[in-house]
Every structure is written in C-alpha cells, then in structure tokens.
Amino acid sequence: MFDLPACPRCGMENTYPDGASWICPDCGHEWPLQSDGAVQEPAVVVRDVNGQALSNGDTVLVIKDLKVKGSSIPLKQGAAIRNIRLVDGDPEHIEGSSDKIKGLVLKTCFLRKA
C-alpha cells in the first residue's frame, strides 16, 4: 500500500500527490515531493492587512483605534509602531513599542506597513 505523508502544517493525513508536489485539501498547504522523506517547511511569512511582507525592524501603522490591556491609553488610528520584531513561528503577531506604550504584542490584521 502507498504510504501518504501527513500535512506538515495541520497534521491531517488526507493528502494526495499532484504532479511534483503533495497537497493537503484540509488546509490547502502544498509541499514538494521528495524521495528521501524529508519535508522542508517553508519559512513563515508575516503579512500586514494589505498583504505586504513584514520583516524585523520595519515600521507599521495602526489602522483603527485599539484598546490596550493593562493600559488606560488606547492606540489611536495612525499610530506608528517602529522597529518591530516578528514572533517566531507566529504569522499573526508582532512585537513592538509605540511612543507612549512599550512592550506591545499586536495582531497583524490591525497593522499596515508604513
């Protein structure tokens, strides 16, 4: 019997070969066929609300007013978060600081690249 590999992203075993790659219909992840069985996980790409790739050291802008837990000061729309740091393995969060609030962890769906 043909041994199908589990999806490296979601872990489901409902995968199938398509040309030169494996496809997971559950999460839509595709990865190349390899005869040695080693699967190379692609690097996580962090994207802002407009789909632009973010990297460490970028400046982003807040697209709507956000309440900040543990602070009475909200982040206003248009506030700049400078010198961001990407969270390892998490494409939905970044770390950074604004002028008034230090040590923020923000969701990328509320940010756009400056």
PDB file of N, CA and C in Angstrom:
ATOM      1  N   MET A   1       0.840  -1.178   0.000  1.00  0.00           N
ATOM      2  CA  MET A   1       0.000   0.000   0.000  1.00  0.00           C
ATOM      3  C   MET A   1       0.888   1.246   0.000  1.00  0.00           C
ATOM      4  N   PHE A   2       0.410   2.282  -0.644  1.00  0.00           N
ATOM      5  CA  PHE A   2       1.145   3.534  -0.787  1.00  0.00           C
ATOM      6  C   PHE A   2       1.033   4.337   0.507  1.00  0.00           C
ATOM      7  N   ASP A   3       2.160   4.752   1.091  1.00  0.00           N
ATOM      8  CA  ASP A   3       2.176   5.477   2.357  1.00  0.00           C
ATOM      9  C   ASP A   3       2.123   6.981   2.086  1.00  0.00           C
ATOM     10  N   LEU A   4       1.011   7.626   2.448  1.00  0.00           N
ATOM     11  CA  LEU A   4       0.851   9.064   2.244  1.00  0.00           C
ATOM     12  C   LEU A   4       1.334   9.811   3.477  1.00  0.00           C
ATOM     13  N   PRO A   5       2.132  10.860   3.292  1.00  0.00           N
ATOM     14  CA  PRO A   5       2.615  11.614   4.454  1.00  0.00           C
ATOM     15  C   PRO A   5       1.520  12.526   5.019  1.00  0.00           C
ATOM     16  N   ALA A   6       1.636  12.831   6.293  1.00  0.00           N
ATOM     17  CA  ALA A   6       0.728  13.781   6.924  1.00  0.00           C
ATOM     18  C   ALA A   6       1.153  15.196   6.534  1.00  0.00           C
ATOM     19  N   CYS A   7       0.216  16.103   6.543  1.00  0.00           N
ATOM     20  CA  CYS A   7       0.496  17.500   6.218  1.00  0.00           C
ATOM     21  C   CYS A   7       1.409  18.096   7.286  1.00  0.00           C
ATOM     22  N   PRO A   8       2.522  18.742   6.917  1.00  0.00           N
ATOM     23  CA  PRO A   8       3.412  19.332   7.917  1.00  0.00           C
ATOM     24  C   PRO A   8       2.809  20.551   8.603  1.00  0.00           C
ATOM     25  N   ARG A   9       1.800  21.171   8.020  1.00  0.00           N
ATOM     26  CA  ARG A   9       1.198  22.359   8.616  1.00  0.00           C
ATOM     27  C   ARG A   9       0.078  22.010   9.588  1.00  0.00           C
ATOM     28  N   CYS A  10      -0.894  21.179   9.161  1.00  0.00           N
ATOM     29  CA  CYS A  10      -2.058  20.899  10.019  1.00  0.00           C
ATOM     30  C   CYS A  10      -2.044  19.498  10.612  1.00  0.00           C
ATOM     31  N   GLY A  11      -1.187  18.596  10.094  1.00  0.00           N
ATOM     32  CA  GLY A  11      -1.077  17.261  10.644  1.00  0.00           C
ATOM     33  C   GLY A  11      -2.107  16.265  10.131  1.00  0.00           C
ATOM     34  N   MET A  12      -3.017  16.681   9.267  1.00  0.00           N
ATOM     35  CA  MET A  12      -4.032  15.771   8.738  1.00  0.00           C
ATOM     36  C   MET A  12      -3.379  14.811   7.743  1.00  0.00           C
ATOM     37  N   GLU A  13      -3.923  13.612   7.653  1.00  0.00           N
ATOM     38  CA  GLU A  13      -3.366  12.599   6.769  1.00  0.00           C
ATOM     39  C   GLU A  13      -4.133  12.472   5.462  1.00  0.00           C
ATOM     40  N   ASN A  14      -5.003  13.391   5.171  1.00  0.00           N
ATOM     41  CA  ASN A  14      -5.817  13.383   3.948  1.00  0.00           C
ATOM     42  C   ASN A  14      -5.071  14.123   2.839  1.00  0.00           C
ATOM     43  N   THR A  15      -3.880  13.638   2.462  1.00  0.00           N
ATOM     44  CA  THR A  15      -3.058  14.301   1.452  1.00  0.00           C
ATOM     45  C   THR A  15      -3.041  13.484   0.172  1.00  0.00           C
ATOM     46  N   TYR A  16      -2.653  14.128  -0.911  1.00  0.00           N
ATOM     47  CA  TYR A  16      -2.551  13.431  -2.184  1.00  0.00           C
ATOM     48  C   TYR A  16      -1.464  14.081  -3.041  1.00  0.00           C
ATOM     49  N   PRO A  17      -0.810  13.269  -3.921  1.00  0.00           N
ATOM     50  CA  PRO A  17       0.206  13.828  -4.807  1.00  0.00           C
ATOM     51  C   PRO A  17      -0.445  14.488  -6.020  1.00  0.00           C
ATOM     52  N   ASP A  18       0.159  15.588  -6.469  1.00  0.00           N
ATOM     53  CA  ASP A  18      -0.326  16.289  -7.657  1.00  0.00           C
ATOM     54  C   ASP A  18       0.891  16.802  -8.414  1.00  0.00           C
ATOM     55  N   GLY A  19       1.275  16.081  -9.443  1.00  0.00           N
ATOM     56  CA  GLY A  19       2.458  16.477 -10.204  1.00  0.00           C
ATOM     57  C   GLY A  19       3.703  16.304  -9.370  1.00  0.00           C
ATOM     58  N   ALA A  20       4.412  17.399  -9.098  1.00  0.00           N
ATOM     59  CA  ALA A  20       5.658  17.348  -8.340  1.00  0.00           C
ATOM     60  C   ALA A  20       5.481  17.803  -6.902  1.00  0.00           C
ATOM     61  N   SER A  21       4.241  17.793  -6.384  1.00  0.00           N
ATOM     62  CA  SER A  21       4.036  18.247  -5.015  1.00  0.00           C
ATOM     63  C   SER A  21       2.920  17.459  -4.332  1.00  0.00           C
ATOM     64  N   TRP A  22       2.931  17.514  -3.007  1.00  0.00           N
ATOM     65  CA  TRP A  22       1.853  16.966  -2.191  1.00  0.00           C
ATOM     66  C   TRP A  22       0.873  18.095  -1.895  1.00  0.00           C
ATOM     67  N   ILE A  23      -0.402  17.776  -1.749  1.00  0.00           N
ATOM     68  CA  ILE A  23      -1.422  18.781  -1.454  1.00  0.00           C
ATOM     69  C   ILE A  23      -2.277  18.293  -0.299  1.00  0.00           C
ATOM     70  N   CYS A  24      -2.564  19.176   0.635  1.00  0.00           N
ATOM     71  CA  CYS A  24      -3.473  18.892   1.746  1.00  0.00           C
ATOM     72  C   CYS A  24      -4.781  19.622   1.458  1.00  0.00           C
ATOM     73  N   PRO A  25      -5.881  18.893   1.198  1.00  0.00           N
ATOM     74  CA  PRO A  25      -7.142  19.557   0.905  1.00  0.00           C
ATOM     75  C   PRO A  25      -7.777  20.205   2.136  1.00  0.00           C
ATOM     76  N   ASP A  26      -7.336  19.829   3.333  1.00  0.00           N
ATOM     77  CA  ASP A  26      -7.922  20.400   4.545  1.00  0.00           C
ATOM     78  C   ASP A  26      -7.468  21.838   4.793  1.00  0.00           C
ATOM     79  N   CYS A  27      -6.158  22.109   4.626  1.00  0.00           N
ATOM     80  CA  CYS A  27      -5.663  23.464   4.872  1.00  0.00           C
ATOM     81  C   CYS A  27      -5.138  24.144   3.612  1.00  0.00           C
ATOM     82  N   GLY A  28      -5.025  23.393   2.489  1.00  0.00           N
ATOM     83  CA  GLY A  28      -4.561  23.973   1.234  1.00  0.00           C
ATOM     84  C   GLY A  28      -3.052  24.076   1.108  1.00  0.00           C
ATOM     85  N   HIS A  29      -2.322  23.501   2.054  1.00  0.00           N
ATOM     86  CA  HIS A  29      -0.862  23.574   2.024  1.00  0.00           C
ATOM     87  C   HIS A  29      -0.305  22.661   0.932  1.00  0.00           C
ATOM     88  N   GLU A  30       0.721  23.138   0.222  1.00  0.00           N
ATOM     89  CA  GLU A  30       1.401  22.353  -0.801  1.00  0.00           C
ATOM     90  C   GLU A  30       2.882  22.302  -0.467  1.00  0.00           C
ATOM     91  N   TRP A  31       3.517  21.137  -0.665  1.00  0.00           N
ATOM     92  CA  TRP A  31       4.942  20.995  -0.476  1.00  0.00           C
ATOM     93  C   TRP A  31       5.479  20.011  -1.495  1.00  0.00           C
ATOM     94  N   PRO A  32       6.773  20.110  -1.838  1.00  0.00           N
ATOM     95  CA  PRO A  32       7.320  19.296  -2.925  1.00  0.00           C
ATOM     96  C   PRO A  32       7.437  17.827  -2.554  1.00  0.00           C
ATOM     97  N   LEU A  33       7.320  16.971  -3.585  1.00  0.00           N
ATOM     98  CA  LEU A  33       7.568  15.542  -3.415  1.00  0.00           C
ATOM     99  C   LEU A  33       9.061  15.347  -3.221  1.00  0.00           C
ATOM    100  N   GLN A  34       9.437  14.522  -2.261  1.00  0.00           N
ATOM    101  CA  GLN A  34      10.850  14.240  -2.044  1.00  0.00           C
ATOM    102  C   GLN A  34      10.997  12.756  -1.789  1.00  0.00           C
ATOM    103  N   SER A  35      11.972  12.142  -2.428  1.00  0.00           N
ATOM    104  CA  SER A  35      12.146  10.700  -2.313  1.00  0.00           C
ATOM    105  C   SER A  35      12.740  10.285  -0.974  1.00  0.00           C
ATOM    106  N   ASP A  36      13.491  11.177  -0.297  1.00  0.00           N
ATOM    107  CA  ASP A  36      14.117  10.798   0.965  1.00  0.00           C
ATOM    108  C   ASP A  36      13.181  10.961   2.157  1.00  0.00           C
ATOM    109  N   GLY A  37      11.996  11.500   1.958  1.00  0.00           N
ATOM    110  CA  GLY A  37      11.013  11.629   3.027  1.00  0.00           C
ATOM    111  C   GLY A  37      11.183  12.882   3.870  1.00  0.00           C
ATOM    112  N   ALA A  38      12.249  13.621   3.671  1.00  0.00           N
ATOM    113  CA  ALA A  38      12.451  14.838   4.441  1.00  0.00           C
ATOM    114  C   ALA A  38      11.574  15.944   3.865  1.00  0.00           C
ATOM    115  N   VAL A  39      10.864  16.614   4.740  1.00  0.00           N
ATOM    116  CA  VAL A  39       9.979  17.694   4.320  1.00  0.00           C
ATOM    117  C   VAL A  39      10.576  19.003   4.794  1.00  0.00           C
ATOM    118  N   GLN A  40      10.757  19.924   3.860  1.00  0.00           N
ATOM    119  CA  GLN A  40      11.265  21.237   4.214  1.00  0.00           C
ATOM    120  C   GLN A  40      10.087  22.167   4.415  1.00  0.00           C
ATOM    121  N   GLU A  41       9.928  22.657   5.625  1.00  0.00           N
ATOM    122  CA  GLU A  41       8.846  23.581   5.937  1.00  0.00           C
ATOM    123  C   GLU A  41       9.243  24.962   5.415  1.00  0.00           C
ATOM    124  N   PRO A  42       8.373  25.606   4.631  1.00  0.00           N
ATOM    125  CA  PRO A  42       8.716  26.937   4.141  1.00  0.00           C
ATOM    126  C   PRO A  42       8.777  27.940   5.295  1.00  0.00           C
ATOM    127  N   ALA A  43       9.584  28.963   5.120  1.00  0.00           N
ATOM    128  CA  ALA A  43       9.703  29.997   6.140  1.00  0.00           C
ATOM    129  C   ALA A  43       8.362  30.710   6.296  1.00  0.00           C
ATOM    130  N   VAL A  44       8.042  31.048   7.529  1.00  0.00           N
ATOM    131  CA  VAL A  44       6.784  31.736   7.811  1.00  0.00           C
ATOM    132  C   VAL A  44       6.910  33.179   7.332  1.00  0.00           C
ATOM    133  N   VAL A  45       5.953  33.611   6.524  1.00  0.00           N
ATOM    134  CA  VAL A  45       5.949  34.974   6.021  1.00  0.00           C
ATOM    135  C   VAL A  45       4.864  35.736   6.774  1.00  0.00           C
ATOM    136  N   VAL A  46       5.255  36.815   7.431  1.00  0.00           N
ATOM    137  CA  VAL A  46       4.320  37.649   8.173  1.00  0.00           C
ATOM    138  C   VAL A  46       3.863  38.766   7.251  1.00  0.00           C
ATOM    139  N   ARG A  47       2.545  38.912   7.113  1.00  0.00           N
ATOM    140  CA  ARG A  47       1.993  39.921   6.206  1.00  0.00           C
ATOM    141  C   ARG A  47       1.067  40.861   6.961  1.00  0.00           C
ATOM    142  N   ASP A  48       1.035  42.129   6.498  1.00  0.00           N
ATOM    143  CA  ASP A  48       0.127  43.101   7.101  1.00  0.00           C
ATOM    144  C   ASP A  48      -1.267  42.944   6.515  1.00  0.00           C
ATOM    145  N   VAL A  49      -2.159  43.851   6.854  1.00  0.00           N
ATOM    146  CA  VAL A  49      -3.551  43.758   6.403  1.00  0.00           C
ATOM    147  C   VAL A  49      -3.673  43.881   4.888  1.00  0.00           C
ATOM    148  N   ASN A  50      -2.732  44.524   4.221  1.00  0.00           N
ATOM    149  CA  ASN A  50      -2.762  44.684   2.767  1.00  0.00           C
ATOM    150  C   ASN A  50      -1.988  43.594   2.038  1.00  0.00           C
ATOM    151  N   GLY A  51      -1.388  42.659   2.772  1.00  0.00           N
ATOM    152  CA  GLY A  51      -0.668  41.561   2.147  1.00  0.00           C
ATOM    153  C   GLY A  51       0.807  41.823   1.908  1.00  0.00           C
ATOM    154  N   GLN A  52       1.322  42.941   2.381  1.00  0.00           N
ATOM    155  CA  GLN A  52       2.753  43.222   2.215  1.00  0.00           C
ATOM    156  C   GLN A  52       3.544  42.458   3.274  1.00  0.00           C
ATOM    157  N   ALA A  53       4.665  41.892   2.888  1.00  0.00           N
ATOM    158  CA  ALA A  53       5.506  41.134   3.809  1.00  0.00           C
ATOM    159  C   ALA A  53       6.177  42.075   4.807  1.00  0.00           C
ATOM    160  N   LEU A  54       6.190  41.664   6.067  1.00  0.00           N
ATOM    161  CA  LEU A  54       6.840  42.432   7.127  1.00  0.00           C
ATOM    162  C   LEU A  54       8.119  41.723   7.536  1.00  0.00           C
ATOM    163  N   SER A  55       9.094  42.499   7.994  1.00  0.00           N
ATOM    164  CA  SER A  55      10.338  41.922   8.491  1.00  0.00           C
ATOM    165  C   SER A  55      10.770  42.683   9.738  1.00  0.00           C
ATOM    166  N   ASN A  56      11.730  42.117  10.455  1.00  0.00           N
ATOM    167  CA  ASN A  56      12.236  42.761  11.673  1.00  0.00           C
ATOM    168  C   ASN A  56      12.772  44.146  11.342  1.00  0.00           C
ATOM    169  N   GLY A  57      12.442  45.127  12.183  1.00  0.00           N
ATOM    170  CA  GLY A  57      12.926  46.485  12.009  1.00  0.00           C
ATOM    171  C   GLY A  57      12.010  47.386  11.213  1.00  0.00           C
ATOM    172  N   ASP A  58      10.941  46.848  10.629  1.00  0.00           N
ATOM    173  CA  ASP A  58      10.000  47.665   9.860  1.00  0.00           C
ATOM    174  C   ASP A  58       9.200  48.597  10.774  1.00  0.00           C
ATOM    175  N   THR A  59       8.578  49.591  10.162  1.00  0.00           N
ATOM    176  CA  THR A  59       7.646  50.472  10.849  1.00  0.00           C
ATOM    177  C   THR A  59       6.259  50.202  10.303  1.00  0.00           C
ATOM    178  N   VAL A  60       5.290  50.046  11.202  1.00  0.00           N
ATOM    179  CA  VAL A  60       3.910  49.788  10.797  1.00  0.00           C
ATOM    180  C   VAL A  60       3.002  50.834  11.418  1.00  0.00           C
ATOM    181  N   LEU A  61       1.823  51.010  10.819  1.00  0.00           N
ATOM    182  CA  LEU A  61       0.827  51.952  11.313  1.00  0.00           C
ATOM    183  C   LEU A  61      -0.425  51.192  11.746  1.00  0.00           C
ATOM    184  N   VAL A  62      -1.059  51.642  12.816  1.00  0.00           N
ATOM    185  CA  VAL A  62      -2.295  51.044  13.315  1.00  0.00           C
ATOM    186  C   VAL A  62      -3.434  51.556  12.437  1.00  0.00           C
ATOM    187  N   ILE A  63      -4.324  50.660  11.972  1.00  0.00           N
ATOM    188  CA  ILE A  63      -5.379  51.069  11.045  1.00  0.00           C
ATOM    189  C   ILE A  63      -6.692  51.412  11.737  1.00  0.00           C
ATOM    190  N   LYS A  64      -6.815  51.134  13.044  1.00  0.00           N
ATOM    191  CA  LYS A  64      -8.016  51.517  13.792  1.00  0.00           C
ATOM    192  C   LYS A  64      -7.654  51.679  15.253  1.00  0.00           C
ATOM    193  N   ASP A  65      -8.482  52.411  15.998  1.00  0.00           N
ATOM    194  CA  ASP A  65      -8.232  52.585  17.422  1.00  0.00           C
ATOM    195  C   ASP A  65      -8.294  51.240  18.127  1.00  0.00           C
ATOM    196  N   LEU A  66      -7.309  50.966  18.979  1.00  0.00           N
ATOM    197  CA  LEU A  66      -7.235  49.704  19.701  1.00  0.00           C
ATOM    198  C   LEU A  66      -7.125  49.948  21.194  1.00  0.00           C
ATOM    199  N   LYS A  67      -7.898  49.199  21.977  1.00  0.00           N
ATOM    200  CA  LYS A  67      -7.747  49.222  23.423  1.00  0.00           C
ATOM    201  C   LYS A  67      -6.562  48.343  23.773  1.00  0.00           C
ATOM    202  N   VAL A  68      -5.766  48.779  24.745  1.00  0.00           N
ATOM    203  CA  VAL A  68      -4.577  48.038  25.142  1.00  0.00           C
ATOM    204  C   VAL A  68      -4.806  47.492  26.541  1.00  0.00           C
ATOM    205  N   LYS A  69      -4.684  46.174  26.693  1.00  0.00           N
ATOM    206  CA  LYS A  69      -4.843  45.557  28.008  1.00  0.00           C
ATOM    207  C   LYS A  69      -3.757  46.060  28.945  1.00  0.00           C
ATOM    208  N   GLY A  70      -4.148  46.410  30.163  1.00  0.00           N
ATOM    209  CA  GLY A  70      -3.190  46.861  31.156  1.00  0.00           C
ATOM    210  C   GLY A  70      -2.812  48.318  31.028  1.00  0.00           C
ATOM    211  N   SER A  71      -3.484  49.056  30.162  1.00  0.00           N
ATOM    212  CA  SER A  71      -3.172  50.472  29.973  1.00  0.00           C
ATOM    213  C   SER A  71      -4.468  51.247  29.778  1.00  0.00           C
ATOM    214  N   SER A  72      -4.491  52.455  30.286  1.00  0.00           N
ATOM    215  CA  SER A  72      -5.661  53.304  30.076  1.00  0.00           C
ATOM    216  C   SER A  72      -5.535  54.130  28.797  1.00  0.00           C
ATOM    217  N   ILE A  73      -4.377  54.034  28.150  1.00  0.00           N
ATOM    218  CA  ILE A  73      -4.130  54.788  26.922  1.00  0.00           C
ATOM    219  C   ILE A  73      -4.410  53.891  25.722  1.00  0.00           C
ATOM    220  N   PRO A  74      -5.353  54.262  24.850  1.00  0.00           N
ATOM    221  CA  PRO A  74      -5.582  53.444  23.647  1.00  0.00           C
ATOM    222  C   PRO A  74      -4.563  53.782  22.556  1.00  0.00           C
ATOM    223  N   LEU A  75      -4.369  52.872  21.634  1.00  0.00           N
ATOM    224  CA  LEU A  75      -3.566  53.149  20.442  1.00  0.00           C
ATOM    225  C   LEU A  75      -4.498  53.767  19.414  1.00  0.00           C
ATOM    226  N   LYS A  76      -4.218  54.958  19.005  1.00  0.00           N
ATOM    227  CA  LYS A  76      -5.064  55.663  18.049  1.00  0.00           C
ATOM    228  C   LYS A  76      -4.735  55.242  16.617  1.00  0.00           C
ATOM    229  N   GLN A  77      -5.715  55.394  15.753  1.00  0.00           N
ATOM    230  CA  GLN A  77      -5.520  55.105  14.335  1.00  0.00           C
ATOM    231  C   GLN A  77      -4.386  55.965  13.804  1.00  0.00           C
ATOM    232  N   GLY A  78      -3.459  55.368  13.070  1.00  0.00           N
ATOM    233  CA  GLY A  78      -2.328  56.092  12.504  1.00  0.00           C
ATOM    234  C   GLY A  78      -1.099  56.106  13.392  1.00  0.00           C
ATOM    235  N   ALA A  79      -1.188  55.536  14.605  1.00  0.00           N
ATOM    236  CA  ALA A  79      -0.024  55.500  15.489  1.00  0.00           C
ATOM    237  C   ALA A  79       1.053  54.613  14.869  1.00  0.00           C
ATOM    238  N   ALA A  80       2.296  55.076  14.955  1.00  0.00           N
ATOM    239  CA  ALA A  80       3.416  54.333  14.364  1.00  0.00           C
ATOM    240  C   ALA A  80       4.032  53.396  15.394  1.00  0.00           C
ATOM    241  N   ILE A  81       4.273  52.173  14.977  1.00  0.00           N
ATOM    242  CA  ILE A  81       4.995  51.195  15.778  1.00  0.00           C
ATOM    243  C   ILE A  81       6.316  50.981  15.046  1.00  0.00           C
ATOM    244  N   ARG A  82       7.401  51.467  15.636  1.00  0.00           N
ATOM    245  CA  ARG A  82       8.704  51.433  14.973  1.00  0.00           C
ATOM    246  C   ARG A  82       9.528  50.242  15.441  1.00  0.00           C
ATOM    247  N   ASN A  83      10.409  49.798  14.572  1.00  0.00           N
ATOM    248  CA  ASN A  83      11.367  48.743  14.875  1.00  0.00           C
ATOM    249  C   ASN A  83      10.677  47.488  15.423  1.00  0.00           C
ATOM    250  N   ILE A  84       9.756  46.929  14.625  1.00  0.00           N
ATOM    251  CA  ILE A  84       9.003  45.764  15.065  1.00  0.00           C
ATOM    252  C   ILE A  84       9.885  44.519  15.093  1.00  0.00           C
ATOM    253  N   ARG A  85       9.468  43.533  15.881  1.00  0.00           N
ATOM    254  CA  ARG A  85      10.118  42.226  15.935  1.00  0.00           C
ATOM    255  C   ARG A  85       9.071  41.176  15.624  1.00  0.00           C
ATOM    256  N   LEU A  86       9.411  40.230  14.770  1.00  0.00           N
ATOM    257  CA  LEU A  86       8.496  39.159  14.418  1.00  0.00           C
ATOM    258  C   LEU A  86       8.530  38.083  15.495  1.00  0.00           C
ATOM    259  N   VAL A  87       7.366  37.506  15.795  1.00  0.00           N
ATOM    260  CA  VAL A  87       7.275  36.415  16.760  1.00  0.00           C
ATOM    261  C   VAL A  87       7.578  35.122  16.015  1.00  0.00           C
ATOM    262  N   ASP A  88       8.521  34.334  16.511  1.00  0.00           N
ATOM    263  CA  ASP A  88       8.935  33.095  15.839  1.00  0.00           C
ATOM    264  C   ASP A  88       7.771  32.137  15.675  1.00  0.00           C
ATOM    265  N   GLY A  89       7.536  31.699  14.435  1.00  0.00           N
ATOM    266  CA  GLY A  89       6.522  30.701  14.152  1.00  0.00           C
ATOM    267  C   GLY A  89       5.099  31.192  14.218  1.00  0.00           C
ATOM    268  N   ASP A  90       4.883  32.475  14.401  1.00  0.00           N
ATOM    269  CA  ASP A  90       3.524  33.010  14.511  1.00  0.00           C
ATOM    270  C   ASP A  90       3.336  34.128  13.489  1.00  0.00           C
ATOM    271  N   PRO A  91       2.657  33.852  12.372  1.00  0.00           N
ATOM    272  CA  PRO A  91       2.494  34.872  11.341  1.00  0.00           C
ATOM    273  C   PRO A  91       1.415  35.906  11.660  1.00  0.00           C
ATOM    274  N   GLU A  92       0.720  35.785  12.777  1.00  0.00           N
ATOM    275  CA  GLU A  92      -0.372  36.700  13.095  1.00  0.00           C
ATOM    276  C   GLU A  92      -0.031  37.743  14.146  1.00  0.00           C
ATOM    277  N   HIS A  93       1.157  37.686  14.759  1.00  0.00           N
ATOM    278  CA  HIS A  93       1.519  38.625  15.813  1.00  0.00           C
ATOM    279  C   HIS A  93       2.905  39.213  15.576  1.00  0.00           C
ATOM    280  N   ILE A  94       3.091  40.454  16.028  1.00  0.00           N
ATOM    281  CA  ILE A  94       4.399  41.105  16.041  1.00  0.00           C
ATOM    282  C   ILE A  94       4.589  41.756  17.409  1.00  0.00           C
ATOM    283  N   GLU A  95       5.826  42.047  17.753  1.00  0.00           N
ATOM    284  CA  GLU A  95       6.137  42.759  18.982  1.00  0.00           C
ATOM    285  C   GLU A  95       6.697  44.120  18.615  1.00  0.00           C
ATOM    286  N   GLY A  96       6.397  45.120  19.437  1.00  0.00           N
ATOM    287  CA  GLY A  96       6.909  46.452  19.167  1.00  0.00           C
ATOM    288  C   GLY A  96       6.535  47.414  20.266  1.00  0.00           C
ATOM    289  N   SER A  97       6.865  48.672  20.061  1.00  0.00           N
ATOM    290  CA  SER A  97       6.577  49.713  21.030  1.00  0.00           C
ATOM    291  C   SER A  97       6.119  50.966  20.311  1.00  0.00           C
ATOM    292  N   SER A  98       5.170  51.655  20.911  1.00  0.00           N
ATOM    293  CA  SER A  98       4.761  52.958  20.387  1.00  0.00           C
ATOM    294  C   SER A  98       5.467  54.031  21.203  1.00  0.00           C
ATOM    295  N   ASP A  99       5.174  55.279  20.925  1.00  0.00           N
ATOM    296  CA  ASP A  99       5.809  56.360  21.670  1.00  0.00           C
ATOM    297  C   ASP A  99       5.414  56.347  23.146  1.00  0.00           C
ATOM    298  N   LYS A 100       4.158  55.968  23.445  1.00  0.00           N
ATOM    299  CA  LYS A 100       3.656  56.031  24.815  1.00  0.00           C
ATOM    300  C   LYS A 100       3.586  54.671  25.508  1.00  0.00           C
ATOM    301  N   ILE A 101       3.475  53.574  24.749  1.00  0.00           N
ATOM    302  CA  ILE A 101       3.295  52.253  25.339  1.00  0.00           C
ATOM    303  C   ILE A 101       4.425  51.344  24.859  1.00  0.00           C
ATOM    304  N   LYS A 102       5.111  50.733  25.793  1.00  0.00           N
ATOM    305  CA  LYS A 102       6.230  49.841  25.483  1.00  0.00           C
ATOM    306  C   LYS A 102       5.792  48.386  25.636  1.00  0.00           C
ATOM    307  N   GLY A 103       6.442  47.483  24.908  1.00  0.00           N
ATOM    308  CA  GLY A 103       6.207  46.057  25.065  1.00  0.00           C
ATOM    309  C   GLY A 103       4.867  45.574  24.543  1.00  0.00           C
ATOM    310  N   LEU A 104       4.467  46.025  23.367  1.00  0.00           N
ATOM    311  CA  LEU A 104       3.189  45.621  22.785  1.00  0.00           C
ATOM    312  C   LEU A 104       3.335  44.343  21.968  1.00  0.00           C
ATOM    313  N   VAL A 105       2.300  43.517  21.996  1.00  0.00           N
ATOM    314  CA  VAL A 105       2.164  42.399  21.072  1.00  0.00           C
ATOM    315  C   VAL A 105       0.880  42.669  20.309  1.00  0.00           C
ATOM    316  N   LEU A 106       0.992  42.847  18.984  1.00  0.00           N
ATOM    317  CA  LEU A 106      -0.144  43.267  18.167  1.00  0.00           C
ATOM    318  C   LEU A 106      -0.452  42.248  17.085  1.00  0.00           C
ATOM    319  N   LYS A 107      -1.725  42.142  16.736  1.00  0.00           N
ATOM    320  CA  LYS A 107      -2.137  41.292  15.625  1.00  0.00           C
ATOM    321  C   LYS A 107      -1.871  42.038  14.322  1.00  0.00           C
ATOM    322  N   THR A 108      -1.397  41.314  13.325  1.00  0.00           N
ATOM    323  CA  THR A 108      -1.062  41.930  12.046  1.00  0.00           C
ATOM    324  C   THR A 108      -2.292  42.365  11.264  1.00  0.00           C
ATOM    325  N   CYS A 109      -3.469  41.866  11.623  1.00  0.00           N
ATOM    326  CA  CYS A 109      -4.684  42.265  10.897  1.00  0.00           C
ATOM    327  C   CYS A 109      -5.088  43.700  11.212  1.00  0.00           C
ATOM    328  N   PHE A 110      -4.460  44.339  12.207  1.00  0.00           N
ATOM    329  CA  PHE A 110      -4.735  45.729  12.535  1.00  0.00           C
ATOM    330  C   PHE A 110      -3.593  46.656  12.156  1.00  0.00           C
ATOM    331  N   LEU A 111      -2.648  46.177  11.349  1.00  0.00           N
ATOM    332  CA  LEU A 111      -1.471  46.950  11.006  1.00  0.00           C
ATOM    333  C   LEU A 111      -1.261  46.999   9.498  1.00  0.00           C
ATOM    334  N   ARG A 112      -0.657  48.115   9.056  1.00  0.00           N
ATOM    335  CA  ARG A 112      -0.233  48.195   7.665  1.00  0.00           C
ATOM    336  C   ARG A 112       1.184  48.765   7.652  1.00  0.00           C
ATOM    337  N   LYS A 113       1.952  48.328   6.664  1.00  0.00           N
ATOM    338  CA  LYS A 113       3.339  48.748   6.563  1.00  0.00           C
ATOM    339  C   LYS A 113       3.406  50.221   6.198  1.00  0.00           C
ATOM    340  N   ALA A 114       4.295  50.950   6.851  1.00  0.00           N
ATOM    341  CA  ALA A 114       4.444  52.385   6.596  1.00  0.00           C
ATOM    342  C   ALA A 114       5.319  52.630   5.391  1.00  0.00           C
TER     343      ALA A 114
END
